[in-house]
Amino acid sequence: MVNRVVSPDLHPMVKFQRQVKSLVDSDVLKPSDRLWKIALLYGNEWAYWKRELEDFDFSMRDPVADLLAVESWDED
């Protein structure tokens, strides 16, 4: 397994998105799975990520593919 160095100046959602993409690439999640399924994998960290997703107007019923499709995490 190759460890990737992630720049500390990346938006936290970029890092999260990359982690979720890795889970999809590893067939742990499917693009059609709902975002709430990520909670099963993130345990105690989920409350933070759920709040972040909701701040970007995601619903826990949205598919993972919607999260992966975001190209920019700019905050208004």
PDB file of N, CA and C in Angstrom:
ATOM      1  N   MET A   1       0.842  -1.177   0.000  1.00  0.00           N
ATOM      2  CA  MET A   1       0.000   0.000   0.000  1.00  0.00           C
ATOM      3  C   MET A   1       0.891   1.246   0.000  1.00  0.00           C
ATOM      4  N   VAL A   2       0.522   2.200  -0.822  1.00  0.00           N
ATOM      5  CA  VAL A   2       1.293   3.434  -0.942  1.00  0.00           C
ATOM      6  C   VAL A   2       0.622   4.509  -0.099  1.00  0.00           C
ATOM      7  N   ASN A   3       1.386   5.139   0.768  1.00  0.00           N
ATOM      8  CA  ASN A   3       0.870   6.252   1.557  1.00  0.00           C
ATOM      9  C   ASN A   3       1.031   7.527   0.752  1.00  0.00           C
ATOM     10  N   ARG A   4      -0.052   8.240   0.613  1.00  0.00           N
ATOM     11  CA  ARG A   4      -0.008   9.506  -0.108  1.00  0.00           C
ATOM     12  C   ARG A   4       0.156  10.638   0.883  1.00  0.00           C
ATOM     13  N   VAL A   5       1.012  11.562   0.540  1.00  0.00           N
ATOM     14  CA  VAL A   5       1.177  12.752   1.358  1.00  0.00           C
ATOM     15  C   VAL A   5       0.106  13.736   0.920  1.00  0.00           C
ATOM     16  N   VAL A   6      -0.698  14.177   1.868  1.00  0.00           N
ATOM     17  CA  VAL A   6      -1.774  15.111   1.578  1.00  0.00           C
ATOM     18  C   VAL A   6      -1.386  16.464   2.149  1.00  0.00           C
ATOM     19  N   SER A   7      -1.442  17.460   1.310  1.00  0.00           N
ATOM     20  CA  SER A   7      -1.075  18.812   1.709  1.00  0.00           C
ATOM     21  C   SER A   7      -1.987  19.297   2.839  1.00  0.00           C
ATOM     22  N   PRO A   8      -1.401  19.855   3.890  1.00  0.00           N
ATOM     23  CA  PRO A   8      -2.222  20.329   5.009  1.00  0.00           C
ATOM     24  C   PRO A   8      -3.111  21.517   4.654  1.00  0.00           C
ATOM     25  N   ASP A   9      -2.845  22.187   3.535  1.00  0.00           N
ATOM     26  CA  ASP A   9      -3.656  23.335   3.166  1.00  0.00           C
ATOM     27  C   ASP A   9      -4.883  22.958   2.342  1.00  0.00           C
ATOM     28  N   LEU A  10      -5.086  21.682   2.079  1.00  0.00           N
ATOM     29  CA  LEU A  10      -6.282  21.239   1.376  1.00  0.00           C
ATOM     30  C   LEU A  10      -7.503  21.376   2.282  1.00  0.00           C
ATOM     31  N   HIS A  11      -8.622  21.721   1.689  1.00  0.00           N
ATOM     32  CA  HIS A  11      -9.872  21.809   2.435  1.00  0.00           C
ATOM     33  C   HIS A  11     -10.171  20.431   3.040  1.00  0.00           C
ATOM     34  N   PRO A  12     -10.653  20.372   4.275  1.00  0.00           N
ATOM     35  CA  PRO A  12     -10.950  19.076   4.895  1.00  0.00           C
ATOM     36  C   PRO A  12     -11.894  18.206   4.061  1.00  0.00           C
ATOM     37  N   MET A  13     -12.808  18.852   3.333  1.00  0.00           N
ATOM     38  CA  MET A  13     -13.738  18.072   2.508  1.00  0.00           C
ATOM     39  C   MET A  13     -13.023  17.424   1.323  1.00  0.00           C
ATOM     40  N   VAL A  14     -11.947  18.016   0.833  1.00  0.00           N
ATOM     41  CA  VAL A  14     -11.160  17.399  -0.242  1.00  0.00           C
ATOM     42  C   VAL A  14     -10.543  16.111   0.287  1.00  0.00           C
ATOM     43  N   LYS A  15     -10.001  16.182   1.489  1.00  0.00           N
ATOM     44  CA  LYS A  15      -9.402  14.995   2.107  1.00  0.00           C
ATOM     45  C   LYS A  15     -10.457  13.908   2.321  1.00  0.00           C
ATOM     46  N   PHE A  16     -11.612  14.305   2.848  1.00  0.00           N
ATOM     47  CA  PHE A  16     -12.708  13.368   3.081  1.00  0.00           C
ATOM     48  C   PHE A  16     -13.172  12.739   1.768  1.00  0.00           C
ATOM     49  N   GLN A  17     -13.322  13.574   0.745  1.00  0.00           N
ATOM     50  CA  GLN A  17     -13.752  13.099  -0.569  1.00  0.00           C
ATOM     51  C   GLN A  17     -12.761  12.061  -1.102  1.00  0.00           C
ATOM     52  N   ARG A  18     -11.481  12.307  -0.930  1.00  0.00           N
ATOM     53  CA  ARG A  18     -10.464  11.356  -1.385  1.00  0.00           C
ATOM     54  C   ARG A  18     -10.557  10.038  -0.618  1.00  0.00           C
ATOM     55  N   GLN A  19     -10.824  10.128   0.684  1.00  0.00           N
ATOM     56  CA  GLN A  19     -10.972   8.905   1.477  1.00  0.00           C
ATOM     57  C   GLN A  19     -12.180   8.103   1.011  1.00  0.00           C
ATOM     58  N   VAL A  20     -13.277   8.790   0.745  1.00  0.00           N
ATOM     59  CA  VAL A  20     -14.487   8.111   0.275  1.00  0.00           C
ATOM     60  C   VAL A  20     -14.249   7.514  -1.104  1.00  0.00           C
ATOM     61  N   LYS A  21     -13.552   8.234  -1.973  1.00  0.00           N
ATOM     62  CA  LYS A  21     -13.239   7.696  -3.302  1.00  0.00           C
ATOM     63  C   LYS A  21     -12.410   6.421  -3.175  1.00  0.00           C
ATOM     64  N   SER A  22     -11.479   6.408  -2.247  1.00  0.00           N
ATOM     65  CA  SER A  22     -10.670   5.215  -2.003  1.00  0.00           C
ATOM     66  C   SER A  22     -11.553   4.046  -1.560  1.00  0.00           C
ATOM     67  N   LEU A  23     -12.558   4.331  -0.737  1.00  0.00           N
ATOM     68  CA  LEU A  23     -13.481   3.280  -0.311  1.00  0.00           C
ATOM     69  C   LEU A  23     -14.296   2.748  -1.484  1.00  0.00           C
ATOM     70  N   VAL A  24     -14.673   3.627  -2.393  1.00  0.00           N
ATOM     71  CA  VAL A  24     -15.403   3.199  -3.596  1.00  0.00           C
ATOM     72  C   VAL A  24     -14.475   2.385  -4.503  1.00  0.00           C
ATOM     73  N   ASP A  25     -13.255   2.882  -4.685  1.00  0.00           N
ATOM     74  CA  ASP A  25     -12.288   2.164  -5.529  1.00  0.00           C
ATOM     75  C   ASP A  25     -11.976   0.774  -4.979  1.00  0.00           C
ATOM     76  N   SER A  26     -12.063   0.626  -3.660  1.00  0.00           N
ATOM     77  CA  SER A  26     -11.786  -0.660  -3.011  1.00  0.00           C
ATOM     78  C   SER A  26     -13.039  -1.528  -2.891  1.00  0.00           C
ATOM     79  N   ASP A  27     -14.140  -1.075  -3.453  1.00  0.00           N
ATOM     80  CA  ASP A  27     -15.423  -1.787  -3.407  1.00  0.00           C
ATOM     81  C   ASP A  27     -15.990  -1.937  -1.998  1.00  0.00           C
ATOM     82  N   VAL A  28     -15.578  -1.064  -1.084  1.00  0.00           N
ATOM     83  CA  VAL A  28     -16.167  -1.049   0.247  1.00  0.00           C
ATOM     84  C   VAL A  28     -17.512  -0.323   0.180  1.00  0.00           C
ATOM     85  N   LEU A  29     -17.569   0.712  -0.639  1.00  0.00           N
ATOM     86  CA  LEU A  29     -18.798   1.456  -0.916  1.00  0.00           C
ATOM     87  C   LEU A  29     -19.056   1.433  -2.408  1.00  0.00           C
ATOM     88  N   LYS A  30     -20.321   1.616  -2.770  1.00  0.00           N
ATOM     89  CA  LYS A  30     -20.697   1.756  -4.179  1.00  0.00           C
ATOM     90  C   LYS A  30     -21.113   3.204  -4.412  1.00  0.00           C
ATOM     91  N   PRO A  31     -20.913   3.723  -5.609  1.00  0.00           N
ATOM     92  CA  PRO A  31     -21.349   5.102  -5.891  1.00  0.00           C
ATOM     93  C   PRO A  31     -22.845   5.307  -5.635  1.00  0.00           C
ATOM     94  N   SER A  32     -23.630   4.255  -5.754  1.00  0.00           N
ATOM     95  CA  SER A  32     -25.073   4.368  -5.548  1.00  0.00           C
ATOM     96  C   SER A  32     -25.479   4.265  -4.075  1.00  0.00           C
ATOM     97  N   ASP A  33     -24.549   3.884  -3.189  1.00  0.00           N
ATOM     98  CA  ASP A  33     -24.853   3.825  -1.757  1.00  0.00           C
ATOM     99  C   ASP A  33     -25.194   5.214  -1.246  1.00  0.00           C
ATOM    100  N   ARG A  34     -26.025   5.272  -0.240  1.00  0.00           N
ATOM    101  CA  ARG A  34     -26.391   6.549   0.374  1.00  0.00           C
ATOM    102  C   ARG A  34     -25.287   7.005   1.326  1.00  0.00           C
ATOM    103  N   LEU A  35     -25.187   8.303   1.503  1.00  0.00           N
ATOM    104  CA  LEU A  35     -24.132   8.862   2.342  1.00  0.00           C
ATOM    105  C   LEU A  35     -24.170   8.340   3.777  1.00  0.00           C
ATOM    106  N   TRP A  36     -25.337   7.992   4.287  1.00  0.00           N
ATOM    107  CA  TRP A  36     -25.418   7.510   5.668  1.00  0.00           C
ATOM    108  C   TRP A  36     -24.589   6.250   5.877  1.00  0.00           C
ATOM    109  N   LYS A  37     -24.330   5.489   4.826  1.00  0.00           N
ATOM    110  CA  LYS A  37     -23.537   4.265   4.981  1.00  0.00           C
ATOM    111  C   LYS A  37     -22.099   4.556   5.400  1.00  0.00           C
ATOM    112  N   ILE A  38     -21.637   5.764   5.115  1.00  0.00           N
ATOM    113  CA  ILE A  38     -20.289   6.140   5.526  1.00  0.00           C
ATOM    114  C   ILE A  38     -20.196   6.132   7.053  1.00  0.00           C
ATOM    115  N   ALA A  39     -21.293   6.410   7.725  1.00  0.00           N
ATOM    116  CA  ALA A  39     -21.310   6.430   9.193  1.00  0.00           C
ATOM    117  C   ALA A  39     -20.854   5.100   9.766  1.00  0.00           C
ATOM    118  N   LEU A  40     -21.178   4.021   9.099  1.00  0.00           N
ATOM    119  CA  LEU A  40     -20.794   2.695   9.583  1.00  0.00           C
ATOM    120  C   LEU A  40     -19.285   2.508   9.581  1.00  0.00           C
ATOM    121  N   LEU A  41     -18.593   3.270   8.745  1.00  0.00           N
ATOM    122  CA  LEU A  41     -17.143   3.140   8.615  1.00  0.00           C
ATOM    123  C   LEU A  41     -16.374   4.175   9.433  1.00  0.00           C
ATOM    124  N   TYR A  42     -17.014   5.286   9.756  1.00  0.00           N
ATOM    125  CA  TYR A  42     -16.316   6.383  10.416  1.00  0.00           C
ATOM    126  C   TYR A  42     -16.551   6.466  11.921  1.00  0.00           C
ATOM    127  N   GLY A  43     -17.465   5.706  12.442  1.00  0.00           N
ATOM    128  CA  GLY A  43     -17.671   5.650  13.887  1.00  0.00           C
ATOM    129  C   GLY A  43     -17.782   7.010  14.545  1.00  0.00           C
ATOM    130  N   ASN A  44     -16.911   7.264  15.524  1.00  0.00           N
ATOM    131  CA  ASN A  44     -16.958   8.498  16.318  1.00  0.00           C
ATOM    132  C   ASN A  44     -16.725   9.756  15.500  1.00  0.00           C
ATOM    133  N   GLU A  45     -16.038   9.639  14.379  1.00  0.00           N
ATOM    134  CA  GLU A  45     -15.770  10.800  13.525  1.00  0.00           C
ATOM    135  C   GLU A  45     -16.989  11.205  12.699  1.00  0.00           C
ATOM    136  N   TRP A  46     -17.996  10.346  12.633  1.00  0.00           N
ATOM    137  CA  TRP A  46     -19.115  10.587  11.739  1.00  0.00           C
ATOM    138  C   TRP A  46     -19.880  11.866  12.069  1.00  0.00           C
ATOM    139  N   ALA A  47     -20.069  12.183  13.334  1.00  0.00           N
ATOM    140  CA  ALA A  47     -20.829  13.385  13.695  1.00  0.00           C
ATOM    141  C   ALA A  47     -20.216  14.623  13.047  1.00  0.00           C
ATOM    142  N   TYR A  48     -18.898  14.705  13.052  1.00  0.00           N
ATOM    143  CA  TYR A  48     -18.214  15.835  12.413  1.00  0.00           C
ATOM    144  C   TYR A  48     -18.479  15.860  10.907  1.00  0.00           C
ATOM    145  N   TRP A  49     -18.281  14.717  10.253  1.00  0.00           N
ATOM    146  CA  TRP A  49     -18.432  14.667   8.793  1.00  0.00           C
ATOM    147  C   TRP A  49     -19.883  14.861   8.374  1.00  0.00           C
ATOM    148  N   LYS A  50     -20.806  14.362   9.154  1.00  0.00           N
ATOM    149  CA  LYS A  50     -22.223  14.562   8.839  1.00  0.00           C
ATOM    150  C   LYS A  50     -22.548  16.053   8.864  1.00  0.00           C
ATOM    151  N   ARG A  51     -22.067  16.746   9.883  1.00  0.00           N
ATOM    152  CA  ARG A  51     -22.280  18.193   9.985  1.00  0.00           C
ATOM    153  C   ARG A  51     -21.670  18.917   8.791  1.00  0.00           C
ATOM    154  N   GLU A  52     -20.452  18.533   8.424  1.00  0.00           N
ATOM    155  CA  GLU A  52     -19.789  19.152   7.275  1.00  0.00           C
ATOM    156  C   GLU A  52     -20.604  18.932   5.997  1.00  0.00           C
ATOM    157  N   LEU A  53     -21.062  17.713   5.778  1.00  0.00           N
ATOM    158  CA  LEU A  53     -21.860  17.413   4.590  1.00  0.00           C
ATOM    159  C   LEU A  53     -23.149  18.226   4.577  1.00  0.00           C
ATOM    160  N   GLU A  54     -23.804  18.300   5.715  1.00  0.00           N
ATOM    161  CA  GLU A  54     -25.048  19.072   5.790  1.00  0.00           C
ATOM    162  C   GLU A  54     -24.788  20.556   5.554  1.00  0.00           C
ATOM    163  N   ASP A  55     -23.632  21.048   5.989  1.00  0.00           N
ATOM    164  CA  ASP A  55     -23.274  22.447   5.724  1.00  0.00           C
ATOM    165  C   ASP A  55     -23.147  22.719   4.227  1.00  0.00           C
ATOM    166  N   PHE A  56     -22.849  21.690   3.467  1.00  0.00           N
ATOM    167  CA  PHE A  56     -22.759  21.815   2.010  1.00  0.00           C
ATOM    168  C   PHE A  56     -24.040  21.325   1.332  1.00  0.00           C
ATOM    169  N   ASP A  57     -25.120  21.293   2.094  1.00  0.00           N
ATOM    170  CA  ASP A  57     -26.464  20.958   1.596  1.00  0.00           C
ATOM    171  C   ASP A  57     -26.624  19.517   1.122  1.00  0.00           C
ATOM    172  N   PHE A  58     -25.835  18.615   1.658  1.00  0.00           N
ATOM    173  CA  PHE A  58     -26.034  17.202   1.360  1.00  0.00           C
ATOM    174  C   PHE A  58     -27.056  16.638   2.333  1.00  0.00           C
ATOM    175  N   SER A  59     -27.821  15.682   1.847  1.00  0.00           N
ATOM    176  CA  SER A  59     -28.733  14.907   2.668  1.00  0.00           C
ATOM    177  C   SER A  59     -28.098  13.538   2.855  1.00  0.00           C
ATOM    178  N   MET A  60     -28.375  12.896   3.959  1.00  0.00           N
ATOM    179  CA  MET A  60     -27.796  11.572   4.188  1.00  0.00           C
ATOM    180  C   MET A  60     -28.380  10.528   3.245  1.00  0.00           C
ATOM    181  N   ARG A  61     -29.426  10.914   2.508  1.00  0.00           N
ATOM    182  CA  ARG A  61     -30.017  10.017   1.507  1.00  0.00           C
ATOM    183  C   ARG A  61     -29.423  10.216   0.119  1.00  0.00           C
ATOM    184  N   ASP A  62     -28.559  11.222  -0.030  1.00  0.00           N
ATOM    185  CA  ASP A  62     -27.897  11.443  -1.317  1.00  0.00           C
ATOM    186  C   ASP A  62     -26.925  10.299  -1.595  1.00  0.00           C
ATOM    187  N   PRO A  63     -26.735   9.973  -2.870  1.00  0.00           N
ATOM    188  CA  PRO A  63     -25.768   8.919  -3.197  1.00  0.00           C
ATOM    189  C   PRO A  63     -24.330   9.393  -3.033  1.00  0.00           C
ATOM    190  N   VAL A  64     -23.456   8.467  -2.725  1.00  0.00           N
ATOM    191  CA  VAL A  64     -22.027   8.740  -2.599  1.00  0.00           C
ATOM    192  C   VAL A  64     -21.504   9.404  -3.867  1.00  0.00           C
ATOM    193  N   ALA A  65     -22.049   9.027  -5.020  1.00  0.00           N
ATOM    194  CA  ALA A  65     -21.614   9.600  -6.300  1.00  0.00           C
ATOM    195  C   ALA A  65     -21.743  11.119  -6.303  1.00  0.00           C
ATOM    196  N   ASP A  66     -22.753  11.667  -5.624  1.00  0.00           N
ATOM    197  CA  ASP A  66     -22.920  13.125  -5.566  1.00  0.00           C
ATOM    198  C   ASP A  66     -21.759  13.778  -4.826  1.00  0.00           C
ATOM    199  N   LEU A  67     -21.303  13.148  -3.770  1.00  0.00           N
ATOM    200  CA  LEU A  67     -20.146  13.651  -3.027  1.00  0.00           C
ATOM    201  C   LEU A  67     -18.903  13.617  -3.898  1.00  0.00           C
ATOM    202  N   LEU A  68     -18.722  12.520  -4.622  1.00  0.00           N
ATOM    203  CA  LEU A  68     -17.536  12.371  -5.464  1.00  0.00           C
ATOM    204  C   LEU A  68     -17.537  13.319  -6.658  1.00  0.00           C
ATOM    205  N   ALA A  69     -18.712  13.789  -7.043  1.00  0.00           N
ATOM    206  CA  ALA A  69     -18.828  14.662  -8.215  1.00  0.00           C
ATOM    207  C   ALA A  69     -18.452  16.119  -7.932  1.00  0.00           C
ATOM    208  N   VAL A  70     -18.337  16.494  -6.669  1.00  0.00           N
ATOM    209  CA  VAL A  70     -18.007  17.879  -6.322  1.00  0.00           C
ATOM    210  C   VAL A  70     -16.597  18.200  -6.804  1.00  0.00           C
ATOM    211  N   GLU A  71     -16.477  19.297  -7.536  1.00  0.00           N
ATOM    212  CA  GLU A  71     -15.189  19.696  -8.084  1.00  0.00           C
ATOM    213  C   GLU A  71     -14.495  20.762  -7.250  1.00  0.00           C
ATOM    214  N   SER A  72     -15.267  21.497  -6.457  1.00  0.00           N
ATOM    215  CA  SER A  72     -14.685  22.569  -5.649  1.00  0.00           C
ATOM    216  C   SER A  72     -15.443  22.668  -4.345  1.00  0.00           C
ATOM    217  N   TRP A  73     -14.710  22.812  -3.263  1.00  0.00           N
ATOM    218  CA  TRP A  73     -15.311  22.915  -1.933  1.00  0.00           C
ATOM    219  C   TRP A  73     -15.212  24.337  -1.404  1.00  0.00           C
ATOM    220  N   ASP A  74     -15.363  25.308  -2.287  1.00  0.00           N
ATOM    221  CA  ASP A  74     -15.305  26.703  -1.864  1.00  0.00           C
ATOM    222  C   ASP A  74     -16.487  27.004  -0.957  1.00  0.00           C
ATOM    223  N   GLU A  75     -16.205  27.731   0.109  1.00  0.00           N
ATOM    224  CA  GLU A  75     -17.259  28.132   1.019  1.00  0.00           C
ATOM    225  C   GLU A  75     -17.622  29.570   0.733  1.00  0.00           C
ATOM    226  N   ASP A  76     -18.903  29.825   0.673  1.00  0.00           N
ATOM    227  CA  ASP A  76     -19.380  31.190   0.395  1.00  0.00           C
ATOM    228  C   ASP A  76     -19.417  32.011   1.635  1.00  0.00           C
TER     229      ASP A  76
END
